[in-house]
Amino acid sequence: DSPLTVPFYEKCGFTRSHVVKNFFTDHYDHPIFEGGVQL
């Protein structure tokens, strides 16, 4: 849920469908940051 990627996909005709809670914290071995936001 990043201010860099979500708007890009929305401009390409995508709309929000659903959310998988804690995906990045549960599946990655380190914190992921994009656009200054922790995913």
Full PDB file with SEQRES, HELIX, SHEET, SSBOND, CRYST1, ORIGX, SCALE, CONECT and MASTER records, all heavy atoms in Angstrom:
SEQRES   1 A   39  ASP SER PRO LEU THR VAL PRO PHE TYR GLU LYS CYS GLY          
SEQRES   2 A   39  PHE THR ARG SER HIS VAL VAL LYS ASN PHE PHE THR ASP          
SEQRES   3 A   39  HIS TYR ASP HIS PRO ILE PHE GLU GLY GLY VAL GLN LEU          
HELIX    1 AA1 VAL A    6  LYS A   11  1                                   6    
HELIX    2 AA2 PHE A   23  HIS A   27  1                                   5    
SHEET    1 AA1 2 PHE A  33  GLU A  34  0                                        
SHEET    2 AA1 2 VAL A  37  GLN A  38 -1                                        
CRYST1    1.000    1.000    1.000  90.00  90.00  90.00 P 1           1          
ORIGX1      1.000000  0.000000  0.000000        0.00000                         
ORIGX2      0.000000  1.000000  0.000000        0.00000                         
ORIGX3      0.000000  0.000000  1.000000        0.00000                         
SCALE1      1.000000  0.000000  0.000000        0.00000                         
SCALE2      0.000000  1.000000  0.000000        0.00000                         
SCALE3      0.000000  0.000000  1.000000        0.00000                         
ATOM      1  N   ASP A   1       0.860  -1.185   0.000  1.00  0.00           N  
ATOM      2  CA  ASP A   1       0.000   0.000   0.000  1.00  0.00           C  
ATOM      3  C   ASP A   1       0.898   1.236   0.000  1.00  0.00           C  
ATOM      4  O   ASP A   1       1.063   1.906   1.007  1.00  0.00           O  
ATOM      5  CB  ASP A   1      -0.925  -0.025   1.210  1.00  0.00           C  
ATOM      6  CG  ASP A   1      -2.095   0.928   1.043  1.00  0.00           C  
ATOM      7  OD1 ASP A   1      -2.187   1.587  -0.011  1.00  0.00           O  
ATOM      8  OD2 ASP A   1      -2.924   1.002   1.968  1.00  0.00           O  
ATOM      9  N   SER A   2       1.471   1.491  -1.166  1.00  0.00           N  
ATOM     10  CA  SER A   2       2.479   2.530  -1.306  1.00  0.00           C  
ATOM     11  C   SER A   2       1.961   3.691  -2.145  1.00  0.00           C  
ATOM     12  O   SER A   2       1.247   3.478  -3.135  1.00  0.00           O  
ATOM     13  CB  SER A   2       3.713   1.927  -1.984  1.00  0.00           C  
ATOM     14  OG  SER A   2       4.516   2.929  -2.549  1.00  0.00           O  
ATOM     15  N   PRO A   3       2.354   4.908  -1.793  1.00  0.00           N  
ATOM     16  CA  PRO A   3       1.957   6.070  -2.596  1.00  0.00           C  
ATOM     17  C   PRO A   3       2.634   6.098  -3.970  1.00  0.00           C  
ATOM     18  O   PRO A   3       2.284   6.917  -4.814  1.00  0.00           O  
ATOM     19  CB  PRO A   3       2.384   7.260  -1.736  1.00  0.00           C  
ATOM     20  CG  PRO A   3       3.468   6.739  -0.854  1.00  0.00           C  
ATOM     21  CD  PRO A   3       3.154   5.287  -0.622  1.00  0.00           C  
ATOM     22  N   LEU A   4       3.583   5.195  -4.201  1.00  0.00           N  
ATOM     23  CA  LEU A   4       4.255   5.138  -5.497  1.00  0.00           C  
ATOM     24  C   LEU A   4       3.614   4.133  -6.442  1.00  0.00           C  
ATOM     25  O   LEU A   4       3.502   4.387  -7.635  1.00  0.00           O  
ATOM     26  CB  LEU A   4       5.736   4.767  -5.314  1.00  0.00           C  
ATOM     27  CG  LEU A   4       6.576   5.711  -4.467  1.00  0.00           C  
ATOM     28  CD1 LEU A   4       7.999   5.189  -4.325  1.00  0.00           C  
ATOM     29  CD2 LEU A   4       6.577   7.105  -5.075  1.00  0.00           C  
ATOM     30  N   THR A   5       3.199   2.982  -5.928  1.00  0.00           N  
ATOM     31  CA  THR A   5       2.727   1.920  -6.820  1.00  0.00           C  
ATOM     32  C   THR A   5       1.216   1.883  -7.007  1.00  0.00           C  
ATOM     33  O   THR A   5       0.744   1.686  -8.121  1.00  0.00           O  
ATOM     34  CB  THR A   5       3.213   0.539  -6.334  1.00  0.00           C  
ATOM     35  OG1 THR A   5       2.829   0.360  -4.981  1.00  0.00           O  
ATOM     36  CG2 THR A   5       4.703   0.406  -6.465  1.00  0.00           C  
ATOM     37  N   VAL A   6       0.448   2.058  -5.954  1.00  0.00           N  
ATOM     38  CA  VAL A   6      -1.010   1.967  -6.082  1.00  0.00           C  
ATOM     39  C   VAL A   6      -1.546   2.983  -7.095  1.00  0.00           C  
ATOM     40  O   VAL A   6      -2.314   2.612  -7.991  1.00  0.00           O  
ATOM     41  CB  VAL A   6      -1.714   2.069  -4.710  1.00  0.00           C  
ATOM     42  CG1 VAL A   6      -3.226   2.181  -4.877  1.00  0.00           C  
ATOM     43  CG2 VAL A   6      -1.355   0.858  -3.849  1.00  0.00           C  
ATOM     44  N   PRO A   7      -1.149   4.253  -7.032  1.00  0.00           N  
ATOM     45  CA  PRO A   7      -1.654   5.203  -8.041  1.00  0.00           C  
ATOM     46  C   PRO A   7      -1.247   4.829  -9.473  1.00  0.00           C  
ATOM     47  O   PRO A   7      -2.020   5.046 -10.408  1.00  0.00           O  
ATOM     48  CB  PRO A   7      -1.034   6.543  -7.625  1.00  0.00           C  
ATOM     49  CG  PRO A   7      -0.764   6.390  -6.165  1.00  0.00           C  
ATOM     50  CD  PRO A   7      -0.389   4.937  -5.987  1.00  0.00           C  
ATOM     51  N   PHE A   8      -0.064   4.256  -9.651  1.00  0.00           N  
ATOM     52  CA  PHE A   8       0.363   3.813 -10.982  1.00  0.00           C  
ATOM     53  C   PHE A   8      -0.625   2.779 -11.526  1.00  0.00           C  
ATOM     54  O   PHE A   8      -1.100   2.896 -12.658  1.00  0.00           O  
ATOM     55  CB  PHE A   8       1.773   3.222 -10.943  1.00  0.00           C  
ATOM     56  CG  PHE A   8       2.120   2.452 -12.185  1.00  0.00           C  
ATOM     57  CD1 PHE A   8       2.486   3.114 -13.348  1.00  0.00           C  
ATOM     58  CD2 PHE A   8       2.033   1.067 -12.209  1.00  0.00           C  
ATOM     59  CE1 PHE A   8       2.776   2.406 -14.510  1.00  0.00           C  
ATOM     60  CE2 PHE A   8       2.313   0.349 -13.362  1.00  0.00           C  
ATOM     61  CZ  PHE A   8       2.693   1.027 -14.523  1.00  0.00           C  
ATOM     62  N   TYR A   9      -0.926   1.771 -10.730  1.00  0.00           N  
ATOM     63  CA  TYR A   9      -1.837   0.726 -11.192  1.00  0.00           C  
ATOM     64  C   TYR A   9      -3.251   1.265 -11.414  1.00  0.00           C  
ATOM     65  O   TYR A   9      -3.938   0.864 -12.349  1.00  0.00           O  
ATOM     66  CB  TYR A   9      -1.828  -0.467 -10.244  1.00  0.00           C  
ATOM     67  CG  TYR A   9      -0.553  -1.261 -10.359  1.00  0.00           C  
ATOM     68  CD1 TYR A   9       0.356  -1.330  -9.315  1.00  0.00           C  
ATOM     69  CD2 TYR A   9      -0.235  -1.930 -11.537  1.00  0.00           C  
ATOM     70  CE1 TYR A   9       1.537  -2.045  -9.439  1.00  0.00           C  
ATOM     71  CE2 TYR A   9       0.945  -2.642 -11.671  1.00  0.00           C  
ATOM     72  CZ  TYR A   9       1.826  -2.699 -10.621  1.00  0.00           C  
ATOM     73  OH  TYR A   9       2.992  -3.398 -10.757  1.00  0.00           O  
ATOM     74  N   GLU A  10      -3.677   2.180 -10.564  1.00  0.00           N  
ATOM     75  CA  GLU A  10      -5.001   2.778 -10.766  1.00  0.00           C  
ATOM     76  C   GLU A  10      -5.055   3.542 -12.090  1.00  0.00           C  
ATOM     77  O   GLU A  10      -6.046   3.473 -12.818  1.00  0.00           O  
ATOM     78  CB  GLU A  10      -5.366   3.670  -9.575  1.00  0.00           C  
ATOM     79  CG  GLU A  10      -5.637   2.855  -8.322  1.00  0.00           C  
ATOM     80  CD  GLU A  10      -5.852   3.676  -7.065  1.00  0.00           C  
ATOM     81  OE1 GLU A  10      -5.377   4.838  -6.992  1.00  0.00           O  
ATOM     82  OE2 GLU A  10      -6.492   3.149  -6.135  1.00  0.00           O  
ATOM     83  N   LYS A  11      -3.978   4.218 -12.445  1.00  0.00           N  
ATOM     84  CA  LYS A  11      -3.920   4.924 -13.734  1.00  0.00           C  
ATOM     85  C   LYS A  11      -3.931   3.936 -14.906  1.00  0.00           C  
ATOM     86  O   LYS A  11      -4.303   4.309 -16.015  1.00  0.00           O  
ATOM     87  CB  LYS A  11      -2.671   5.795 -13.810  1.00  0.00           C  
ATOM     88  CG  LYS A  11      -2.741   7.038 -12.970  1.00  0.00           C  
ATOM     89  CD  LYS A  11      -1.457   7.823 -13.050  1.00  0.00           C  
ATOM     90  CE  LYS A  11      -1.484   8.980 -12.068  1.00  0.00           C  
ATOM     91  NZ  LYS A  11      -0.190   9.674 -11.993  1.00  0.00           N  
ATOM     92  N   CYS A  12      -3.517   2.706 -14.655  1.00  0.00           N  
ATOM     93  CA  CYS A  12      -3.519   1.665 -15.688  1.00  0.00           C  
ATOM     94  C   CYS A  12      -4.855   0.903 -15.733  1.00  0.00           C  
ATOM     95  O   CYS A  12      -4.956  -0.119 -16.404  1.00  0.00           O  
ATOM     96  CB  CYS A  12      -2.373   0.685 -15.451  1.00  0.00           C  
ATOM     97  SG  CYS A  12      -0.736   1.372 -15.753  1.00  0.00           S  
ATOM     98  N   GLY A  13      -5.856   1.365 -15.006  1.00  0.00           N  
ATOM     99  CA  GLY A  13      -7.182   0.772 -15.078  1.00  0.00           C  
ATOM    100  C   GLY A  13      -7.507  -0.259 -14.013  1.00  0.00           C  
ATOM    101  O   GLY A  13      -8.553  -0.905 -14.071  1.00  0.00           O  
ATOM    102  N   PHE A  14      -6.644  -0.425 -13.030  1.00  0.00           N  
ATOM    103  CA  PHE A  14      -6.890  -1.374 -11.938  1.00  0.00           C  
ATOM    104  C   PHE A  14      -7.705  -0.698 -10.844  1.00  0.00           C  
ATOM    105  O   PHE A  14      -7.590   0.505 -10.628  1.00  0.00           O  
ATOM    106  CB  PHE A  14      -5.566  -1.848 -11.329  1.00  0.00           C  
ATOM    107  CG  PHE A  14      -4.749  -2.748 -12.204  1.00  0.00           C  
ATOM    108  CD1 PHE A  14      -3.929  -2.224 -13.198  1.00  0.00           C  
ATOM    109  CD2 PHE A  14      -4.776  -4.119 -12.029  1.00  0.00           C  
ATOM    110  CE1 PHE A  14      -3.159  -3.041 -14.000  1.00  0.00           C  
ATOM    111  CE2 PHE A  14      -4.006  -4.957 -12.825  1.00  0.00           C  
ATOM    112  CZ  PHE A  14      -3.201  -4.420 -13.817  1.00  0.00           C  
ATOM    113  N   THR A  15      -8.506  -1.501 -10.138  1.00  0.00           N  
ATOM    114  CA  THR A  15      -9.224  -1.019  -8.958  1.00  0.00           C  
ATOM    115  C   THR A  15      -8.922  -1.960  -7.796  1.00  0.00           C  
ATOM    116  O   THR A  15      -8.637  -3.151  -7.998  1.00  0.00           O  
ATOM    117  CB  THR A  15     -10.749  -0.964  -9.191  1.00  0.00           C  
ATOM    118  OG1 THR A  15     -11.214  -2.259  -9.578  1.00  0.00           O  
ATOM    119  CG2 THR A  15     -11.098   0.047 -10.266  1.00  0.00           C  
ATOM    120  N   ARG A  16      -9.011  -1.431  -6.598  1.00  0.00           N  
ATOM    121  CA  ARG A  16      -8.712  -2.237  -5.408  1.00  0.00           C  
ATOM    122  C   ARG A  16      -9.689  -3.401  -5.293  1.00  0.00           C  
ATOM    123  O   ARG A  16     -10.883  -3.225  -5.476  1.00  0.00           O  
ATOM    124  CB  ARG A  16      -8.763  -1.384  -4.145  1.00  0.00           C  
ATOM    125  CG  ARG A  16      -7.592  -0.428  -4.037  1.00  0.00           C  
ATOM    126  CD  ARG A  16      -7.730   0.450  -2.795  1.00  0.00           C  
ATOM    127  NE  ARG A  16      -6.664   1.422  -2.737  1.00  0.00           N  
ATOM    128  CZ  ARG A  16      -5.666   1.384  -1.846  1.00  0.00           C  
ATOM    129  NH1 ARG A  16      -5.630   0.428  -0.940  1.00  0.00           N  
ATOM    130  NH2 ARG A  16      -4.736   2.302  -1.851  1.00  0.00           N  
ATOM    131  N   SER A  17      -9.135  -4.559  -4.942  1.00  0.00           N  
ATOM    132  CA  SER A  17      -9.947  -5.767  -4.818  1.00  0.00           C  
ATOM    133  C   SER A  17     -10.017  -6.226  -3.363  1.00  0.00           C  
ATOM    134  O   SER A  17     -11.082  -6.292  -2.779  1.00  0.00           O  
ATOM    135  CB  SER A  17      -9.360  -6.873  -5.692  1.00  0.00           C  
ATOM    136  OG  SER A  17      -9.957  -8.103  -5.434  1.00  0.00           O  
ATOM    137  N   HIS A  18      -8.863  -6.555  -2.789  1.00  0.00           N  
ATOM    138  CA  HIS A  18      -8.835  -7.046  -1.417  1.00  0.00           C  
ATOM    139  C   HIS A  18      -7.440  -6.851  -0.828  1.00  0.00           C  
ATOM    140  O   HIS A  18      -6.512  -6.469  -1.534  1.00  0.00           O  
ATOM    141  CB  HIS A  18      -9.264  -8.513  -1.339  1.00  0.00           C  
ATOM    142  CG  HIS A  18      -8.388  -9.448  -2.118  1.00  0.00           C  
ATOM    143  ND1 HIS A  18      -8.445  -9.582  -3.493  1.00  0.00           N  
ATOM    144  CD2 HIS A  18      -7.422 -10.314  -1.706  1.00  0.00           C  
ATOM    145  CE1 HIS A  18      -7.560 -10.475  -3.894  1.00  0.00           C  
ATOM    146  NE2 HIS A  18      -6.921 -10.938  -2.831  1.00  0.00           N  
ATOM    147  N   VAL A  19      -7.318  -7.125   0.458  1.00  0.00           N  
ATOM    148  CA  VAL A  19      -6.068  -6.926   1.197  1.00  0.00           C  
ATOM    149  C   VAL A  19      -5.701  -8.214   1.913  1.00  0.00           C  
ATOM    150  O   VAL A  19      -6.561  -8.888   2.480  1.00  0.00           O  
ATOM    151  CB  VAL A  19      -6.222  -5.774   2.224  1.00  0.00           C  
ATOM    152  CG1 VAL A  19      -5.000  -5.659   3.126  1.00  0.00           C  
ATOM    153  CG2 VAL A  19      -6.498  -4.449   1.510  1.00  0.00           C  
ATOM    154  N   VAL A  20      -4.420  -8.548   1.890  1.00  0.00           N  
ATOM    155  CA  VAL A  20      -3.899  -9.651   2.694  1.00  0.00           C  
ATOM    156  C   VAL A  20      -3.095  -8.997   3.827  1.00  0.00           C  
ATOM    157  O   VAL A  20      -2.017  -8.438   3.609  1.00  0.00           O  
ATOM    158  CB  VAL A  20      -3.011 -10.612   1.864  1.00  0.00           C  
ATOM    159  CG1 VAL A  20      -2.429 -11.696   2.759  1.00  0.00           C  
ATOM    160  CG2 VAL A  20      -3.807 -11.209   0.713  1.00  0.00           C  
ATOM    161  N   LYS A  21      -3.673  -9.057   5.020  1.00  0.00           N  
ATOM    162  CA  LYS A  21      -3.066  -8.405   6.182  1.00  0.00           C  
ATOM    163  C   LYS A  21      -1.705  -9.004   6.520  1.00  0.00           C  
ATOM    164  O   LYS A  21      -1.510 -10.216   6.455  1.00  0.00           O  
ATOM    165  CB  LYS A  21      -3.988  -8.535   7.403  1.00  0.00           C  
ATOM    166  CG  LYS A  21      -5.248  -7.719   7.292  1.00  0.00           C  
ATOM    167  CD  LYS A  21      -4.922  -6.280   7.500  1.00  0.00           C  
ATOM    168  CE  LYS A  21      -6.158  -5.451   7.738  1.00  0.00           C  
ATOM    169  NZ  LYS A  21      -5.833  -4.037   7.717  1.00  0.00           N  
ATOM    170  N   ASN A  22      -0.781  -8.133   6.876  1.00  0.00           N  
ATOM    171  CA  ASN A  22       0.549  -8.505   7.376  1.00  0.00           C  
ATOM    172  C   ASN A  22       1.386  -9.337   6.399  1.00  0.00           C  
ATOM    173  O   ASN A  22       2.311 -10.023   6.814  1.00  0.00           O  
ATOM    174  CB  ASN A  22       0.445  -9.233   8.722  1.00  0.00           C  
ATOM    175  CG  ASN A  22      -0.238  -8.379   9.759  1.00  0.00           C  
ATOM    176  OD1 ASN A  22       0.058  -7.189   9.898  1.00  0.00           O  
ATOM    177  ND2 ASN A  22      -1.185  -8.966  10.462  1.00  0.00           N  
ATOM    178  N   PHE A  23       1.077  -9.286   5.118  1.00  0.00           N  
ATOM    179  CA  PHE A  23       1.807 -10.106   4.150  1.00  0.00           C  
ATOM    180  C   PHE A  23       3.306  -9.826   4.203  1.00  0.00           C  
ATOM    181  O   PHE A  23       4.119 -10.751   4.246  1.00  0.00           O  
ATOM    182  CB  PHE A  23       1.288  -9.866   2.726  1.00  0.00           C  
ATOM    183  CG  PHE A  23       1.998 -10.691   1.698  1.00  0.00           C  
ATOM    184  CD1 PHE A  23       1.589 -11.983   1.417  1.00  0.00           C  
ATOM    185  CD2 PHE A  23       3.110 -10.200   1.025  1.00  0.00           C  
ATOM    186  CE1 PHE A  23       2.264 -12.768   0.486  1.00  0.00           C  
ATOM    187  CE2 PHE A  23       3.798 -10.966   0.097  1.00  0.00           C  
ATOM    188  CZ  PHE A  23       3.365 -12.256  -0.172  1.00  0.00           C  
ATOM    189  N   PHE A  24       3.685  -8.574   4.174  1.00  0.00           N  
ATOM    190  CA  PHE A  24       5.118  -8.240   4.106  1.00  0.00           C  
ATOM    191  C   PHE A  24       5.836  -8.528   5.417  1.00  0.00           C  
ATOM    192  O   PHE A  24       6.980  -8.973   5.408  1.00  0.00           O  
ATOM    193  CB  PHE A  24       5.303  -6.779   3.674  1.00  0.00           C  
ATOM    194  CG  PHE A  24       4.902  -6.558   2.243  1.00  0.00           C  
ATOM    195  CD1 PHE A  24       3.661  -6.041   1.929  1.00  0.00           C  
ATOM    196  CD2 PHE A  24       5.750  -6.908   1.206  1.00  0.00           C  
ATOM    197  CE1 PHE A  24       3.280  -5.863   0.605  1.00  0.00           C  
ATOM    198  CE2 PHE A  24       5.382  -6.736  -0.116  1.00  0.00           C  
ATOM    199  CZ  PHE A  24       4.136  -6.215  -0.427  1.00  0.00           C  
ATOM    200  N   THR A  25       5.162  -8.339   6.534  1.00  0.00           N  
ATOM    201  CA  THR A  25       5.808  -8.626   7.822  1.00  0.00           C  
ATOM    202  C   THR A  25       5.869 -10.125   8.085  1.00  0.00           C  
ATOM    203  O   THR A  25       6.780 -10.604   8.755  1.00  0.00           O  
ATOM    204  CB  THR A  25       5.092  -7.895   8.972  1.00  0.00           C  
ATOM    205  OG1 THR A  25       3.697  -8.187   8.925  1.00  0.00           O  
ATOM    206  CG2 THR A  25       5.309  -6.395   8.881  1.00  0.00           C  
ATOM    207  N   ASP A  26       4.922 -10.892   7.532  1.00  0.00           N  
ATOM    208  CA  ASP A  26       4.904 -12.341   7.739  1.00  0.00           C  
ATOM    209  C   ASP A  26       5.816 -13.110   6.776  1.00  0.00           C  
ATOM    210  O   ASP A  26       6.266 -14.202   7.110  1.00  0.00           O  
ATOM    211  CB  ASP A  26       3.482 -12.897   7.584  1.00  0.00           C  
ATOM    212  CG  ASP A  26       2.562 -12.488   8.722  1.00  0.00           C  
ATOM    213  OD1 ASP A  26       3.059 -11.975   9.749  1.00  0.00           O  
ATOM    214  OD2 ASP A  26       1.335 -12.662   8.568  1.00  0.00           O  
ATOM    215  N   HIS A  27       6.068 -12.574   5.572  1.00  0.00           N  
ATOM    216  CA  HIS A  27       6.772 -13.340   4.541  1.00  0.00           C  
ATOM    217  C   HIS A  27       8.163 -12.832   4.177  1.00  0.00           C  
ATOM    218  O   HIS A  27       8.870 -13.503   3.420  1.00  0.00           O  
ATOM    219  CB  HIS A  27       5.924 -13.406   3.265  1.00  0.00           C  
ATOM    220  CG  HIS A  27       4.685 -14.209   3.437  1.00  0.00           C  
ATOM    221  ND1 HIS A  27       3.493 -13.649   3.817  1.00  0.00           N  
ATOM    222  CD2 HIS A  27       4.465 -15.524   3.315  1.00  0.00           C  
ATOM    223  CE1 HIS A  27       2.572 -14.596   3.907  1.00  0.00           C  
ATOM    224  NE2 HIS A  27       3.131 -15.737   3.615  1.00  0.00           N  
ATOM    225  N   TYR A  28       8.555 -11.689   4.681  1.00  0.00           N  
ATOM    226  CA  TYR A  28       9.868 -11.151   4.346  1.00  0.00           C  
ATOM    227  C   TYR A  28      10.734 -11.124   5.589  1.00  0.00           C  
ATOM    228  O   TYR A  28      10.243 -10.916   6.697  1.00  0.00           O  
ATOM    229  CB  TYR A  28       9.736  -9.752   3.727  1.00  0.00           C  
ATOM    230  CG  TYR A  28       9.231  -9.818   2.299  1.00  0.00           C  
ATOM    231  CD1 TYR A  28       7.884 -10.013   2.027  1.00  0.00           C  
ATOM    232  CD2 TYR A  28      10.106  -9.731   1.229  1.00  0.00           C  
ATOM    233  CE1 TYR A  28       7.414 -10.109   0.736  1.00  0.00           C  
ATOM    234  CE2 TYR A  28       9.652  -9.822  -0.076  1.00  0.00           C  
ATOM    235  CZ  TYR A  28       8.295 -10.014  -0.318  1.00  0.00           C  
ATOM    236  OH  TYR A  28       7.846 -10.121  -1.595  1.00  0.00           O  
ATOM    237  N   ASP A  29      12.028 -11.313   5.375  1.00  0.00           N  
ATOM    238  CA  ASP A  29      12.941 -11.412   6.520  1.00  0.00           C  
ATOM    239  C   ASP A  29      13.460 -10.055   6.990  1.00  0.00           C  
ATOM    240  O   ASP A  29      14.316  -9.984   7.865  1.00  0.00           O  
ATOM    241  CB  ASP A  29      14.112 -12.355   6.194  1.00  0.00           C  
ATOM    242  CG  ASP A  29      14.978 -11.875   5.031  1.00  0.00           C  
ATOM    243  OD1 ASP A  29      14.828 -10.721   4.580  1.00  0.00           O  
ATOM    244  OD2 ASP A  29      15.812 -12.677   4.563  1.00  0.00           O  
ATOM    245  N   HIS A  30      12.960  -8.982   6.408  1.00  0.00           N  
ATOM    246  CA  HIS A  30      13.352  -7.632   6.798  1.00  0.00           C  
ATOM    247  C   HIS A  30      12.212  -6.667   6.461  1.00  0.00           C  
ATOM    248  O   HIS A  30      11.383  -6.978   5.611  1.00  0.00           O  
ATOM    249  CB  HIS A  30      14.645  -7.216   6.075  1.00  0.00           C  
ATOM    250  CG  HIS A  30      14.494  -7.145   4.585  1.00  0.00           C  
ATOM    251  ND1 HIS A  30      14.461  -8.274   3.782  1.00  0.00           N  
ATOM    252  CD2 HIS A  30      14.329  -6.086   3.753  1.00  0.00           C  
ATOM    253  CE1 HIS A  30      14.298  -7.898   2.521  1.00  0.00           C  
ATOM    254  NE2 HIS A  30      14.222  -6.592   2.473  1.00  0.00           N  
ATOM    255  N   PRO A  31      12.178  -5.520   7.119  1.00  0.00           N  
ATOM    256  CA  PRO A  31      11.138  -4.531   6.804  1.00  0.00           C  
ATOM    257  C   PRO A  31      11.326  -4.006   5.372  1.00  0.00           C  
ATOM    258  O   PRO A  31      12.447  -3.778   4.929  1.00  0.00           O  
ATOM    259  CB  PRO A  31      11.359  -3.412   7.821  1.00  0.00           C  
ATOM    260  CG  PRO A  31      12.196  -4.010   8.898  1.00  0.00           C  
ATOM    261  CD  PRO A  31      13.006  -5.097   8.249  1.00  0.00           C  
ATOM    262  N   ILE A  32      10.224  -3.815   4.674  1.00  0.00           N  
ATOM    263  CA  ILE A  32      10.240  -3.304   3.306  1.00  0.00           C  
ATOM    264  C   ILE A  32       9.674  -1.880   3.349  1.00  0.00           C  
ATOM    265  O   ILE A  32       8.588  -1.667   3.884  1.00  0.00           O  
ATOM    266  CB  ILE A  32       9.364  -4.160   2.371  1.00  0.00           C  
ATOM    267  CG1 ILE A  32       9.713  -5.639   2.451  1.00  0.00           C  
ATOM    268  CG2 ILE A  32       9.406  -3.619   0.941  1.00  0.00           C  
ATOM    269  CD1 ILE A  32      10.902  -6.073   1.690  1.00  0.00           C  
ATOM    270  N   PHE A  33      10.410  -0.940   2.778  1.00  0.00           N  
ATOM    271  CA  PHE A  33       9.967   0.451   2.715  1.00  0.00           C  
ATOM    272  C   PHE A  33       9.866   0.887   1.265  1.00  0.00           C  
ATOM    273  O   PHE A  33      10.713   0.526   0.438  1.00  0.00           O  
ATOM    274  CB  PHE A  33      10.953   1.374   3.447  1.00  0.00           C  
ATOM    275  CG  PHE A  33      10.944   1.199   4.940  1.00  0.00           C  
ATOM    276  CD1 PHE A  33      11.759   0.259   5.539  1.00  0.00           C  
ATOM    277  CD2 PHE A  33      10.115   1.986   5.735  1.00  0.00           C  
ATOM    278  CE1 PHE A  33      11.754   0.083   6.915  1.00  0.00           C  
ATOM    279  CE2 PHE A  33      10.110   1.811   7.111  1.00  0.00           C  
ATOM    280  CZ  PHE A  33      10.929   0.866   7.702  1.00  0.00           C  
ATOM    281  N   GLU A  34       8.828   1.645   0.971  1.00  0.00           N  
ATOM    282  CA  GLU A  34       8.681   2.204  -0.365  1.00  0.00           C  
ATOM    283  C   GLU A  34       8.053   3.581  -0.237  1.00  0.00           C  
ATOM    284  O   GLU A  34       7.029   3.735   0.430  1.00  0.00           O  
ATOM    285  CB  GLU A  34       7.800   1.300  -1.233  1.00  0.00           C  
ATOM    286  CG  GLU A  34       7.773   1.728  -2.686  1.00  0.00           C  
ATOM    287  CD  GLU A  34       7.060   0.729  -3.562  1.00  0.00           C  
ATOM    288  OE1 GLU A  34       7.508  -0.428  -3.624  1.00  0.00           O  
ATOM    289  OE2 GLU A  34       6.052   1.113  -4.167  1.00  0.00           O  
ATOM    290  N   GLY A  35       8.681   4.550  -0.845  1.00  0.00           N  
ATOM    291  CA  GLY A  35       8.158   5.915  -0.755  1.00  0.00           C  
ATOM    292  C   GLY A  35       8.082   6.416   0.667  1.00  0.00           C  
ATOM    293  O   GLY A  35       7.194   7.187   1.002  1.00  0.00           O  
ATOM    294  N   GLY A  36       9.006   5.949   1.528  1.00  0.00           N  
ATOM    295  CA  GLY A  36       9.032   6.372   2.918  1.00  0.00           C  
ATOM    296  C   GLY A  36       8.008   5.690   3.809  1.00  0.00           C  
ATOM    297  O   GLY A  36       7.871   6.033   4.974  1.00  0.00           O  
ATOM    298  N   VAL A  37       7.297   4.702   3.273  1.00  0.00           N  
ATOM    299  CA  VAL A  37       6.257   3.996   4.020  1.00  0.00           C  
ATOM    300  C   VAL A  37       6.665   2.539   4.200  1.00  0.00           C  
ATOM    301  O   VAL A  37       7.080   1.887   3.243  1.00  0.00           O  
ATOM    302  CB  VAL A  37       4.905   4.054   3.251  1.00  0.00           C  
ATOM    303  CG1 VAL A  37       3.843   3.219   3.932  1.00  0.00           C  
ATOM    304  CG2 VAL A  37       4.444   5.485   3.072  1.00  0.00           C  
ATOM    305  N   GLN A  38       6.566   2.027   5.442  1.00  0.00           N  
ATOM    306  CA  GLN A  38       6.830   0.599   5.645  1.00  0.00           C  
ATOM    307  C   GLN A  38       5.634  -0.188   5.147  1.00  0.00           C  
ATOM    308  O   GLN A  38       4.485   0.086   5.506  1.00  0.00           O  
ATOM    309  CB  GLN A  38       7.090   0.253   7.110  1.00  0.00           C  
ATOM    310  CG  GLN A  38       7.408  -1.228   7.269  1.00  0.00           C  
ATOM    311  CD  GLN A  38       7.772  -1.652   8.680  1.00  0.00           C  
ATOM    312  OE1 GLN A  38       7.871  -0.831   9.577  1.00  0.00           O  
ATOM    313  NE2 GLN A  38       7.967  -2.941   8.861  1.00  0.00           N  
ATOM    314  N   LEU A  39       5.917  -1.175   4.298  1.00  0.00           N  
ATOM    315  CA  LEU A  39       4.859  -2.004   3.750  1.00  0.00           C  
ATOM    316  C   LEU A  39       4.513  -3.104   4.735  1.00  0.00           C  
ATOM    317  O   LEU A  39       5.393  -3.810   5.222  1.00  0.00           O  
ATOM    318  CB  LEU A  39       5.289  -2.607   2.411  1.00  0.00           C  
ATOM    319  CG  LEU A  39       5.730  -1.605   1.341  1.00  0.00           C  
ATOM    320  CD1 LEU A  39       6.082  -2.336   0.054  1.00  0.00           C  
ATOM    321  CD2 LEU A  39       4.678  -0.552   1.109  1.00  0.00           C  
TER     322      LEU A  39                                                      
MASTER        0    0    0    2    2    0    0    6  321    1    0    3          
END                                                                             
